[in-house]
Amino acid sequence: MLEKVREDPYEFLFLAVVAITVITAYIETTTFLEMSAVVPQFILYLVGATLIGIMIMKFRGDQIKEKLGLSDVSAGFDLGTDDEGEDDSDLEGLYDLNTVGVAKEFVWLIVYVVGVVFVGFFTVSAAFCIVYVLVNETSELKRRIPLALGWTAIILGVLYLLFVEFLQVSSVWRLGFLP
């Protein structure tokens, strides 16, 4: 485990700083009124859970991938920023910005906002998550469908907890198919 830290010490230093920040922020939220602390604490729980997941994948990711049979799978989102055969030494800056990729993402954002205005927040969020993952994920279709449904369920669950349960905005905003 120590050899993983030695391979990339700055990444683990960053994760440690994030963990300390989350713990400090959580301690600070205990001084809030109970109703005022619900949303910040929920967000801190999500960040903490994500941080734990990242640490597990850093230390045990290879074993988990082998058990799931994913050791040779390299799937990720293609945002239009990667060029095949591009040499890293040719990059002028830290990142090579592809304006076509940025324009495509901006179009996705505009479609989402227009959909929220005319259809409803949860309805468009569900449709958007599914379609976005199906279109932008680069793996085969049989892997994209459960991935799209999983991300949609997670995102809608978080949005429902934040906006309907904690902030009670369902009486103000048109949220779509959920109450």
N, C-alpha and C. Protein backbone atom coordinates (compact mmCIF):
# COMPACT_ATOMS: atom_id res chain seq x y z
N MET A 1 0.82 -1.19 0.00
CA MET A 1 0.00 0.00 0.00
C MET A 1 0.87 1.25 0.00
N LEU A 2 1.96 1.21 0.70
CA LEU A 2 2.85 2.35 0.77
C LEU A 2 3.50 2.63 -0.59
N GLU A 3 3.71 1.59 -1.40
CA GLU A 3 4.29 1.81 -2.72
C GLU A 3 3.35 2.59 -3.63
N LYS A 4 2.02 2.43 -3.44
CA LYS A 4 1.05 3.21 -4.22
C LYS A 4 1.17 4.69 -3.88
N VAL A 5 1.38 4.99 -2.61
CA VAL A 5 1.54 6.37 -2.19
C VAL A 5 2.84 6.94 -2.74
N ARG A 6 3.88 6.13 -2.76
CA ARG A 6 5.18 6.60 -3.28
C ARG A 6 5.13 6.85 -4.78
N GLU A 7 4.29 6.11 -5.51
CA GLU A 7 4.17 6.30 -6.95
C GLU A 7 3.62 7.68 -7.29
N ASP A 8 2.62 8.12 -6.55
CA ASP A 8 1.98 9.39 -6.85
C ASP A 8 1.68 10.14 -5.54
N PRO A 9 2.70 10.69 -4.88
CA PRO A 9 2.49 11.30 -3.56
C PRO A 9 1.62 12.56 -3.60
N TYR A 10 1.67 13.32 -4.68
CA TYR A 10 0.91 14.56 -4.74
C TYR A 10 -0.59 14.29 -4.83
N GLU A 11 -0.96 13.23 -5.50
CA GLU A 11 -2.38 12.88 -5.58
C GLU A 11 -2.91 12.49 -4.21
N PHE A 12 -2.13 11.72 -3.46
CA PHE A 12 -2.57 11.33 -2.12
C PHE A 12 -2.54 12.51 -1.17
N LEU A 13 -1.62 13.43 -1.37
CA LEU A 13 -1.60 14.65 -0.57
C LEU A 13 -2.87 15.46 -0.84
N PHE A 14 -3.25 15.55 -2.11
CA PHE A 14 -4.48 16.25 -2.46
C PHE A 14 -5.70 15.58 -1.82
N LEU A 15 -5.76 14.25 -1.88
CA LEU A 15 -6.88 13.52 -1.27
C LEU A 15 -6.92 13.72 0.24
N ALA A 16 -5.74 13.79 0.86
CA ALA A 16 -5.68 14.03 2.31
C ALA A 16 -6.19 15.44 2.64
N VAL A 17 -5.83 16.42 1.82
CA VAL A 17 -6.30 17.80 2.04
C VAL A 17 -7.82 17.85 1.87
N VAL A 18 -8.35 17.16 0.87
CA VAL A 18 -9.80 17.13 0.68
C VAL A 18 -10.48 16.47 1.89
N ALA A 19 -9.92 15.38 2.39
CA ALA A 19 -10.49 14.69 3.55
C ALA A 19 -10.49 15.61 4.77
N ILE A 20 -9.40 16.31 5.00
CA ILE A 20 -9.33 17.23 6.14
C ILE A 20 -10.33 18.36 5.98
N THR A 21 -10.47 18.87 4.75
CA THR A 21 -11.44 19.93 4.48
C THR A 21 -12.87 19.45 4.73
N VAL A 22 -13.19 18.23 4.31
CA VAL A 22 -14.54 17.69 4.51
C VAL A 22 -14.82 17.52 6.01
N ILE A 23 -13.86 16.99 6.73
CA ILE A 23 -14.05 16.80 8.18
C ILE A 23 -14.21 18.15 8.89
N THR A 24 -13.38 19.12 8.52
CA THR A 24 -13.48 20.45 9.11
C THR A 24 -14.82 21.11 8.78
N ALA A 25 -15.26 21.00 7.55
CA ALA A 25 -16.55 21.58 7.16
C ALA A 25 -17.70 20.90 7.89
N TYR A 26 -17.60 19.57 8.06
CA TYR A 26 -18.66 18.86 8.79
C TYR A 26 -18.72 19.33 10.25
N ILE A 27 -17.58 19.49 10.88
CA ILE A 27 -17.55 19.98 12.26
C ILE A 27 -18.16 21.37 12.32
N GLU A 28 -17.89 22.18 11.31
CA GLU A 28 -18.46 23.53 11.27
C GLU A 28 -19.98 23.49 11.12
N THR A 29 -20.52 22.53 10.36
CA THR A 29 -21.97 22.46 10.18
C THR A 29 -22.69 22.04 11.45
N THR A 30 -21.99 21.46 12.40
CA THR A 30 -22.66 21.09 13.65
C THR A 30 -23.04 22.32 14.48
N THR A 31 -22.47 23.48 14.14
CA THR A 31 -22.84 24.71 14.84
C THR A 31 -24.06 25.38 14.21
N PHE A 32 -24.51 24.90 13.05
CA PHE A 32 -25.68 25.47 12.38
C PHE A 32 -26.96 25.03 13.08
N LEU A 33 -28.05 25.71 12.77
CA LEU A 33 -29.36 25.21 13.18
C LEU A 33 -29.60 23.88 12.48
N GLU A 34 -30.38 23.01 13.11
CA GLU A 34 -30.56 21.67 12.57
C GLU A 34 -31.08 21.68 11.13
N MET A 35 -32.06 22.51 10.84
CA MET A 35 -32.62 22.58 9.48
C MET A 35 -31.63 23.17 8.49
N SER A 36 -30.79 24.06 8.94
CA SER A 36 -29.81 24.70 8.05
C SER A 36 -28.65 23.78 7.73
N ALA A 37 -28.40 22.78 8.57
CA ALA A 37 -27.25 21.91 8.38
C ALA A 37 -27.55 20.71 7.49
N VAL A 38 -28.80 20.46 7.15
CA VAL A 38 -29.16 19.24 6.43
C VAL A 38 -28.51 19.17 5.05
N VAL A 39 -28.65 20.21 4.25
CA VAL A 39 -28.10 20.20 2.89
C VAL A 39 -26.57 20.18 2.90
N PRO A 40 -25.90 21.05 3.65
CA PRO A 40 -24.43 20.97 3.65
C PRO A 40 -23.91 19.63 4.15
N GLN A 41 -24.53 19.08 5.16
CA GLN A 41 -24.08 17.77 5.66
C GLN A 41 -24.31 16.68 4.62
N PHE A 42 -25.43 16.73 3.92
CA PHE A 42 -25.70 15.75 2.87
C PHE A 42 -24.63 15.82 1.78
N ILE A 43 -24.29 17.03 1.36
CA ILE A 43 -23.26 17.21 0.34
C ILE A 43 -21.91 16.72 0.85
N LEU A 44 -21.61 16.98 2.11
CA LEU A 44 -20.36 16.50 2.69
C LEU A 44 -20.34 14.98 2.78
N TYR A 45 -21.49 14.35 3.05
CA TYR A 45 -21.56 12.89 3.04
C TYR A 45 -21.25 12.35 1.63
N LEU A 46 -21.80 13.01 0.61
CA LEU A 46 -21.54 12.58 -0.77
C LEU A 46 -20.06 12.73 -1.12
N VAL A 47 -19.48 13.86 -0.75
CA VAL A 47 -18.05 14.07 -1.02
C VAL A 47 -17.21 13.05 -0.26
N GLY A 48 -17.57 12.79 0.99
CA GLY A 48 -16.84 11.80 1.79
C GLY A 48 -16.95 10.40 1.20
N ALA A 49 -18.15 10.03 0.75
CA ALA A 49 -18.34 8.71 0.14
C ALA A 49 -17.54 8.60 -1.15
N THR A 50 -17.53 9.66 -1.93
CA THR A 50 -16.75 9.67 -3.17
C THR A 50 -15.26 9.56 -2.85
N LEU A 51 -14.81 10.26 -1.83
CA LEU A 51 -13.41 10.20 -1.42
C LEU A 51 -13.03 8.79 -0.97
N ILE A 52 -13.91 8.14 -0.24
CA ILE A 52 -13.65 6.75 0.18
C ILE A 52 -13.58 5.84 -1.04
N GLY A 53 -14.50 6.04 -1.99
CA GLY A 53 -14.48 5.24 -3.23
C GLY A 53 -13.20 5.44 -4.02
N ILE A 54 -12.73 6.67 -4.09
CA ILE A 54 -11.48 6.95 -4.80
C ILE A 54 -10.30 6.25 -4.10
N MET A 55 -10.28 6.33 -2.79
CA MET A 55 -9.19 5.69 -2.05
C MET A 55 -9.23 4.16 -2.22
N ILE A 56 -10.42 3.58 -2.19
CA ILE A 56 -10.53 2.13 -2.41
C ILE A 56 -10.03 1.78 -3.80
N MET A 57 -10.40 2.55 -4.81
CA MET A 57 -9.95 2.26 -6.17
C MET A 57 -8.45 2.49 -6.32
N LYS A 58 -7.89 3.43 -5.59
CA LYS A 58 -6.44 3.66 -5.66
C LYS A 58 -5.67 2.48 -5.08
N PHE A 59 -6.14 1.97 -3.93
CA PHE A 59 -5.40 0.91 -3.26
C PHE A 59 -5.80 -0.49 -3.71
N ARG A 60 -7.07 -0.70 -4.03
CA ARG A 60 -7.55 -2.04 -4.36
C ARG A 60 -8.20 -2.11 -5.74
N GLY A 61 -8.01 -1.12 -6.57
CA GLY A 61 -8.67 -1.06 -7.87
C GLY A 61 -8.31 -2.21 -8.79
N ASP A 62 -7.04 -2.62 -8.79
CA ASP A 62 -6.61 -3.72 -9.65
C ASP A 62 -7.28 -5.03 -9.27
N GLN A 63 -7.37 -5.30 -7.96
CA GLN A 63 -8.01 -6.53 -7.51
C GLN A 63 -9.51 -6.52 -7.82
N ILE A 64 -10.16 -5.37 -7.66
CA ILE A 64 -11.59 -5.26 -7.94
C ILE A 64 -11.85 -5.47 -9.43
N LYS A 65 -11.03 -4.86 -10.28
CA LYS A 65 -11.20 -5.02 -11.73
C LYS A 65 -11.01 -6.46 -12.15
N GLU A 66 -10.04 -7.14 -11.55
CA GLU A 66 -9.81 -8.55 -11.89
C GLU A 66 -10.99 -9.42 -11.49
N LYS A 67 -11.55 -9.17 -10.31
CA LYS A 67 -12.70 -9.96 -9.85
C LYS A 67 -13.93 -9.73 -10.72
N LEU A 68 -14.09 -8.50 -11.23
CA LEU A 68 -15.23 -8.18 -12.09
C LEU A 68 -14.96 -8.51 -13.55
N GLY A 69 -13.74 -8.87 -13.87
CA GLY A 69 -13.38 -9.17 -15.24
C GLY A 69 -13.24 -7.94 -16.11
N LEU A 70 -12.88 -6.83 -15.51
CA LEU A 70 -12.75 -5.56 -16.23
C LEU A 70 -11.31 -5.12 -16.41
N SER A 71 -10.36 -6.00 -16.17
CA SER A 71 -8.96 -5.58 -16.17
C SER A 71 -8.48 -5.09 -17.53
N ASP A 72 -9.08 -5.57 -18.63
CA ASP A 72 -8.64 -5.13 -19.95
C ASP A 72 -9.62 -4.14 -20.59
N VAL A 73 -10.61 -3.70 -19.84
CA VAL A 73 -11.60 -2.77 -20.37
C VAL A 73 -11.14 -1.35 -20.10
N SER A 74 -11.10 -0.56 -21.15
CA SER A 74 -10.78 0.85 -20.98
C SER A 74 -11.88 1.65 -21.64
N ALA A 75 -12.90 2.00 -20.86
CA ALA A 75 -14.03 2.75 -21.38
C ALA A 75 -14.12 4.06 -20.62
N GLY A 76 -14.44 5.09 -21.33
CA GLY A 76 -14.59 6.39 -20.69
C GLY A 76 -15.38 7.31 -21.60
N PHE A 77 -15.69 8.48 -21.09
CA PHE A 77 -16.43 9.44 -21.88
C PHE A 77 -15.53 10.09 -22.90
N ASP A 78 -16.02 10.24 -24.10
CA ASP A 78 -15.28 10.92 -25.15
C ASP A 78 -15.91 12.28 -25.33
N LEU A 79 -15.26 13.31 -24.82
CA LEU A 79 -15.79 14.65 -24.91
C LEU A 79 -15.26 15.39 -26.14
N GLY A 80 -14.62 14.66 -27.02
CA GLY A 80 -14.11 15.28 -28.22
C GLY A 80 -12.78 15.99 -28.02
N THR A 81 -12.08 15.73 -26.94
CA THR A 81 -10.82 16.42 -26.68
C THR A 81 -9.60 15.57 -26.98
N ASP A 82 -9.77 14.28 -27.22
CA ASP A 82 -8.63 13.41 -27.47
C ASP A 82 -8.46 13.18 -28.96
N ASP A 83 -7.27 13.34 -29.44
CA ASP A 83 -6.97 13.06 -30.83
C ASP A 83 -6.13 11.80 -30.89
N GLU A 84 -6.48 10.89 -31.78
CA GLU A 84 -5.72 9.66 -31.93
C GLU A 84 -4.33 9.97 -32.46
N GLY A 85 -3.34 9.34 -31.90
CA GLY A 85 -1.98 9.49 -32.38
C GLY A 85 -1.32 10.79 -31.99
N GLU A 86 -1.93 11.54 -31.10
CA GLU A 86 -1.36 12.82 -30.70
C GLU A 86 -0.24 12.59 -29.69
N ASP A 87 0.87 13.23 -29.88
CA ASP A 87 2.00 13.11 -28.98
C ASP A 87 1.88 14.18 -27.90
N ASP A 88 2.05 13.77 -26.62
CA ASP A 88 1.91 14.71 -25.52
C ASP A 88 2.93 15.83 -25.58
N SER A 89 4.08 15.59 -26.21
CA SER A 89 5.10 16.63 -26.27
C SER A 89 4.71 17.74 -27.24
N ASP A 90 3.72 17.49 -28.09
CA ASP A 90 3.29 18.50 -29.04
C ASP A 90 2.32 19.52 -28.43
N LEU A 91 1.81 19.24 -27.23
CA LEU A 91 0.85 20.15 -26.62
C LEU A 91 1.54 21.44 -26.21
N GLU A 92 0.91 22.55 -26.56
CA GLU A 92 1.49 23.83 -26.21
C GLU A 92 1.20 24.19 -24.76
N GLY A 93 0.03 23.84 -24.28
CA GLY A 93 -0.34 24.14 -22.90
C GLY A 93 -0.55 22.86 -22.12
N LEU A 94 -1.14 23.01 -20.97
CA LEU A 94 -1.39 21.84 -20.14
C LEU A 94 -2.44 20.94 -20.77
N TYR A 95 -3.46 21.52 -21.37
CA TYR A 95 -4.51 20.76 -22.04
C TYR A 95 -4.69 21.33 -23.44
N ASP A 96 -4.96 20.44 -24.38
CA ASP A 96 -5.25 20.86 -25.74
C ASP A 96 -6.76 20.98 -25.86
N LEU A 97 -7.26 22.20 -25.92
CA LEU A 97 -8.69 22.45 -25.94
C LEU A 97 -9.23 22.27 -27.35
N ASN A 98 -10.19 21.40 -27.49
CA ASN A 98 -10.83 21.15 -28.77
C ASN A 98 -12.12 21.96 -28.80
N THR A 99 -12.18 22.99 -29.63
CA THR A 99 -13.34 23.88 -29.65
C THR A 99 -14.59 23.17 -30.14
N VAL A 100 -14.45 22.18 -31.02
CA VAL A 100 -15.62 21.43 -31.48
C VAL A 100 -16.22 20.63 -30.31
N GLY A 101 -15.36 20.01 -29.49
CA GLY A 101 -15.83 19.28 -28.32
C GLY A 101 -16.52 20.20 -27.33
N VAL A 102 -15.96 21.38 -27.10
CA VAL A 102 -16.57 22.35 -26.19
C VAL A 102 -17.91 22.82 -26.75
N ALA A 103 -17.99 23.06 -28.04
CA ALA A 103 -19.24 23.49 -28.66
C ALA A 103 -20.31 22.41 -28.53
N LYS A 104 -19.93 21.13 -28.71
CA LYS A 104 -20.89 20.03 -28.54
C LYS A 104 -21.43 19.99 -27.12
N GLU A 105 -20.57 20.18 -26.14
CA GLU A 105 -21.01 20.16 -24.74
C GLU A 105 -21.90 21.37 -24.45
N PHE A 106 -21.60 22.51 -25.05
CA PHE A 106 -22.43 23.69 -24.87
C PHE A 106 -23.82 23.48 -25.45
N VAL A 107 -23.91 22.79 -26.59
CA VAL A 107 -25.22 22.46 -27.19
C VAL A 107 -26.00 21.54 -26.25
N TRP A 108 -25.31 20.53 -25.67
CA TRP A 108 -25.98 19.65 -24.69
C TRP A 108 -26.56 20.48 -23.55
N LEU A 109 -25.79 21.44 -23.05
CA LEU A 109 -26.24 22.28 -21.94
C LEU A 109 -27.46 23.12 -22.33
N ILE A 110 -27.44 23.69 -23.51
CA ILE A 110 -28.58 24.51 -23.97
C ILE A 110 -29.83 23.64 -24.10
N VAL A 111 -29.69 22.46 -24.68
CA VAL A 111 -30.84 21.55 -24.82
C VAL A 111 -31.40 21.20 -23.44
N TYR A 112 -30.53 20.94 -22.48
CA TYR A 112 -30.98 20.61 -21.13
C TYR A 112 -31.75 21.76 -20.50
N VAL A 113 -31.21 22.98 -20.58
CA VAL A 113 -31.87 24.14 -19.97
C VAL A 113 -33.22 24.41 -20.63
N VAL A 114 -33.28 24.32 -21.95
CA VAL A 114 -34.55 24.53 -22.65
C VAL A 114 -35.56 23.45 -22.23
N GLY A 115 -35.09 22.21 -22.10
CA GLY A 115 -35.96 21.14 -21.66
C GLY A 115 -36.49 21.35 -20.25
N VAL A 116 -35.65 21.86 -19.36
CA VAL A 116 -36.10 22.14 -17.99
C VAL A 116 -37.20 23.19 -18.00
N VAL A 117 -37.05 24.20 -18.82
CA VAL A 117 -38.03 25.28 -18.87
C VAL A 117 -39.36 24.79 -19.42
N PHE A 118 -39.34 23.97 -20.48
CA PHE A 118 -40.58 23.59 -21.14
C PHE A 118 -41.18 22.26 -20.70
N VAL A 119 -40.38 21.34 -20.19
CA VAL A 119 -40.89 20.02 -19.85
C VAL A 119 -40.96 19.81 -18.34
N GLY A 120 -39.89 20.09 -17.64
CA GLY A 120 -39.84 19.87 -16.20
C GLY A 120 -38.46 19.35 -15.80
N PHE A 121 -38.08 19.66 -14.60
CA PHE A 121 -36.72 19.39 -14.13
C PHE A 121 -36.40 17.91 -14.07
N PHE A 122 -37.20 17.10 -13.37
CA PHE A 122 -36.87 15.69 -13.20
C PHE A 122 -37.05 14.90 -14.50
N THR A 123 -38.07 15.23 -15.27
CA THR A 123 -38.30 14.53 -16.52
C THR A 123 -37.13 14.72 -17.48
N VAL A 124 -36.70 15.96 -17.65
CA VAL A 124 -35.59 16.25 -18.55
C VAL A 124 -34.28 15.72 -17.98
N SER A 125 -34.12 15.78 -16.67
CA SER A 125 -32.89 15.25 -16.06
C SER A 125 -32.76 13.76 -16.33
N ALA A 126 -33.87 13.02 -16.20
CA ALA A 126 -33.84 11.57 -16.46
C ALA A 126 -33.51 11.29 -17.92
N ALA A 127 -34.23 11.95 -18.82
CA ALA A 127 -34.01 11.73 -20.25
C ALA A 127 -32.60 12.17 -20.64
N PHE A 128 -32.15 13.30 -20.13
CA PHE A 128 -30.84 13.82 -20.46
C PHE A 128 -29.73 12.87 -20.01
N CYS A 129 -29.82 12.37 -18.79
CA CYS A 129 -28.79 11.45 -18.28
C CYS A 129 -28.68 10.21 -19.15
N ILE A 130 -29.82 9.61 -19.47
CA ILE A 130 -29.81 8.39 -20.27
C ILE A 130 -29.24 8.65 -21.66
N VAL A 131 -29.74 9.66 -22.33
CA VAL A 131 -29.29 9.94 -23.70
C VAL A 131 -27.83 10.37 -23.71
N TYR A 132 -27.42 11.19 -22.76
CA TYR A 132 -26.04 11.67 -22.73
C TYR A 132 -25.05 10.52 -22.56
N VAL A 133 -25.34 9.61 -21.66
CA VAL A 133 -24.43 8.48 -21.45
C VAL A 133 -24.45 7.56 -22.67
N LEU A 134 -25.63 7.29 -23.24
CA LEU A 134 -25.70 6.41 -24.40
C LEU A 134 -24.94 6.98 -25.59
N VAL A 135 -24.97 8.29 -25.75
CA VAL A 135 -24.30 8.93 -26.89
C VAL A 135 -22.80 9.09 -26.65
N ASN A 136 -22.40 9.51 -25.46
CA ASN A 136 -21.00 9.86 -25.23
C ASN A 136 -20.13 8.74 -24.69
N GLU A 137 -20.70 7.70 -24.13
CA GLU A 137 -19.89 6.59 -23.63
C GLU A 137 -19.34 5.82 -24.82
N THR A 138 -18.10 5.39 -24.72
CA THR A 138 -17.43 4.76 -25.86
C THR A 138 -17.45 3.24 -25.83
N SER A 139 -17.97 2.63 -24.78
CA SER A 139 -17.98 1.17 -24.72
C SER A 139 -19.15 0.60 -25.52
N GLU A 140 -19.23 -0.74 -25.57
CA GLU A 140 -20.30 -1.37 -26.34
C GLU A 140 -21.66 -1.12 -25.68
N LEU A 141 -22.73 -1.28 -26.45
CA LEU A 141 -24.08 -0.92 -26.02
C LEU A 141 -24.53 -1.70 -24.79
N LYS A 142 -24.16 -2.99 -24.70
CA LYS A 142 -24.61 -3.78 -23.56
C LYS A 142 -24.01 -3.28 -22.24
N ARG A 143 -22.93 -2.54 -22.30
CA ARG A 143 -22.36 -1.93 -21.10
C ARG A 143 -22.91 -0.52 -20.89
N ARG A 144 -23.27 0.16 -21.97
CA ARG A 144 -23.78 1.53 -21.86
C ARG A 144 -25.16 1.61 -21.23
N ILE A 145 -26.02 0.65 -21.53
CA ILE A 145 -27.40 0.71 -21.03
C ILE A 145 -27.45 0.64 -19.50
N PRO A 146 -26.83 -0.36 -18.86
CA PRO A 146 -26.88 -0.34 -17.39
C PRO A 146 -26.13 0.85 -16.78
N LEU A 147 -25.08 1.29 -17.45
CA LEU A 147 -24.36 2.46 -16.98
C LEU A 147 -25.25 3.70 -17.03
N ALA A 148 -25.98 3.86 -18.11
CA ALA A 148 -26.89 5.00 -18.24
C ALA A 148 -27.99 4.94 -17.20
N LEU A 149 -28.57 3.78 -16.99
CA LEU A 149 -29.64 3.64 -16.01
C LEU A 149 -29.11 3.84 -14.59
N GLY A 150 -27.93 3.34 -14.32
CA GLY A 150 -27.34 3.52 -12.99
C GLY A 150 -27.05 4.97 -12.67
N TRP A 151 -26.40 5.66 -13.62
CA TRP A 151 -26.11 7.08 -13.40
C TRP A 151 -27.39 7.89 -13.27
N THR A 152 -28.40 7.55 -14.06
CA THR A 152 -29.67 8.27 -13.98
C THR A 152 -30.31 8.08 -12.61
N ALA A 153 -30.31 6.86 -12.11
CA ALA A 153 -30.89 6.60 -10.79
C ALA A 153 -30.13 7.35 -9.69
N ILE A 154 -28.82 7.35 -9.76
CA ILE A 154 -28.02 8.04 -8.74
C ILE A 154 -28.26 9.55 -8.80
N ILE A 155 -28.21 10.11 -10.00
CA ILE A 155 -28.37 11.56 -10.14
C ILE A 155 -29.77 12.00 -9.74
N LEU A 156 -30.81 11.27 -10.16
CA LEU A 156 -32.17 11.64 -9.78
C LEU A 156 -32.40 11.46 -8.29
N GLY A 157 -31.78 10.45 -7.69
CA GLY A 157 -31.91 10.27 -6.25
C GLY A 157 -31.32 11.44 -5.48
N VAL A 158 -30.14 11.87 -5.90
CA VAL A 158 -29.50 13.02 -5.24
C VAL A 158 -30.31 14.29 -5.46
N LEU A 159 -30.77 14.51 -6.68
CA LEU A 159 -31.57 15.71 -6.96
C LEU A 159 -32.88 15.71 -6.17
N TYR A 160 -33.51 14.54 -6.07
CA TYR A 160 -34.76 14.44 -5.31
C TYR A 160 -34.52 14.74 -3.84
N LEU A 161 -33.47 14.16 -3.27
CA LEU A 161 -33.18 14.43 -1.86
C LEU A 161 -32.89 15.91 -1.63
N LEU A 162 -32.06 16.49 -2.49
CA LEU A 162 -31.69 17.89 -2.29
C LEU A 162 -32.87 18.84 -2.47
N PHE A 163 -33.57 18.71 -3.59
CA PHE A 163 -34.56 19.72 -3.91
C PHE A 163 -35.94 19.45 -3.32
N VAL A 164 -36.38 18.22 -3.28
CA VAL A 164 -37.73 17.93 -2.80
C VAL A 164 -37.73 17.71 -1.30
N GLU A 165 -36.86 16.85 -0.80
CA GLU A 165 -36.87 16.53 0.62
C GLU A 165 -36.25 17.63 1.48
N PHE A 166 -35.06 18.09 1.12
CA PHE A 166 -34.37 19.04 1.99
C PHE A 166 -34.82 20.48 1.77
N LEU A 167 -34.86 20.92 0.51
CA LEU A 167 -35.14 22.33 0.24
C LEU A 167 -36.61 22.64 -0.02
N GLN A 168 -37.44 21.61 -0.19
CA GLN A 168 -38.89 21.78 -0.37
C GLN A 168 -39.24 22.72 -1.53
N VAL A 169 -38.55 22.58 -2.67
CA VAL A 169 -38.82 23.48 -3.80
C VAL A 169 -39.89 22.95 -4.73
N SER A 170 -40.50 21.81 -4.42
CA SER A 170 -41.51 21.25 -5.31
C SER A 170 -42.75 22.13 -5.39
N SER A 171 -42.97 22.98 -4.39
CA SER A 171 -44.12 23.87 -4.44
C SER A 171 -43.84 25.10 -5.28
N VAL A 172 -42.59 25.35 -5.62
CA VAL A 172 -42.21 26.55 -6.37
C VAL A 172 -41.91 26.23 -7.82
N TRP A 173 -41.17 25.14 -8.08
CA TRP A 173 -40.71 24.82 -9.41
C TRP A 173 -41.52 23.69 -10.01
N ARG A 174 -41.64 23.67 -11.30
CA ARG A 174 -42.26 22.58 -12.02
C ARG A 174 -41.21 21.49 -12.18
N LEU A 175 -41.38 20.39 -11.46
CA LEU A 175 -40.32 19.38 -11.39
C LEU A 175 -40.53 18.20 -12.33
N GLY A 176 -41.64 18.13 -13.03
CA GLY A 176 -41.83 17.01 -13.94
C GLY A 176 -42.66 15.92 -13.33
N PHE A 177 -42.29 14.66 -13.55
CA PHE A 177 -43.13 13.55 -13.17
C PHE A 177 -43.10 13.21 -11.68
N LEU A 178 -42.18 13.75 -10.92
CA LEU A 178 -42.15 13.47 -9.49
C LEU A 178 -42.93 14.53 -8.73
N PRO A 179 -43.48 14.18 -7.56
CA PRO A 179 -44.26 15.17 -6.78
C PRO A 179 -43.41 16.29 -6.24
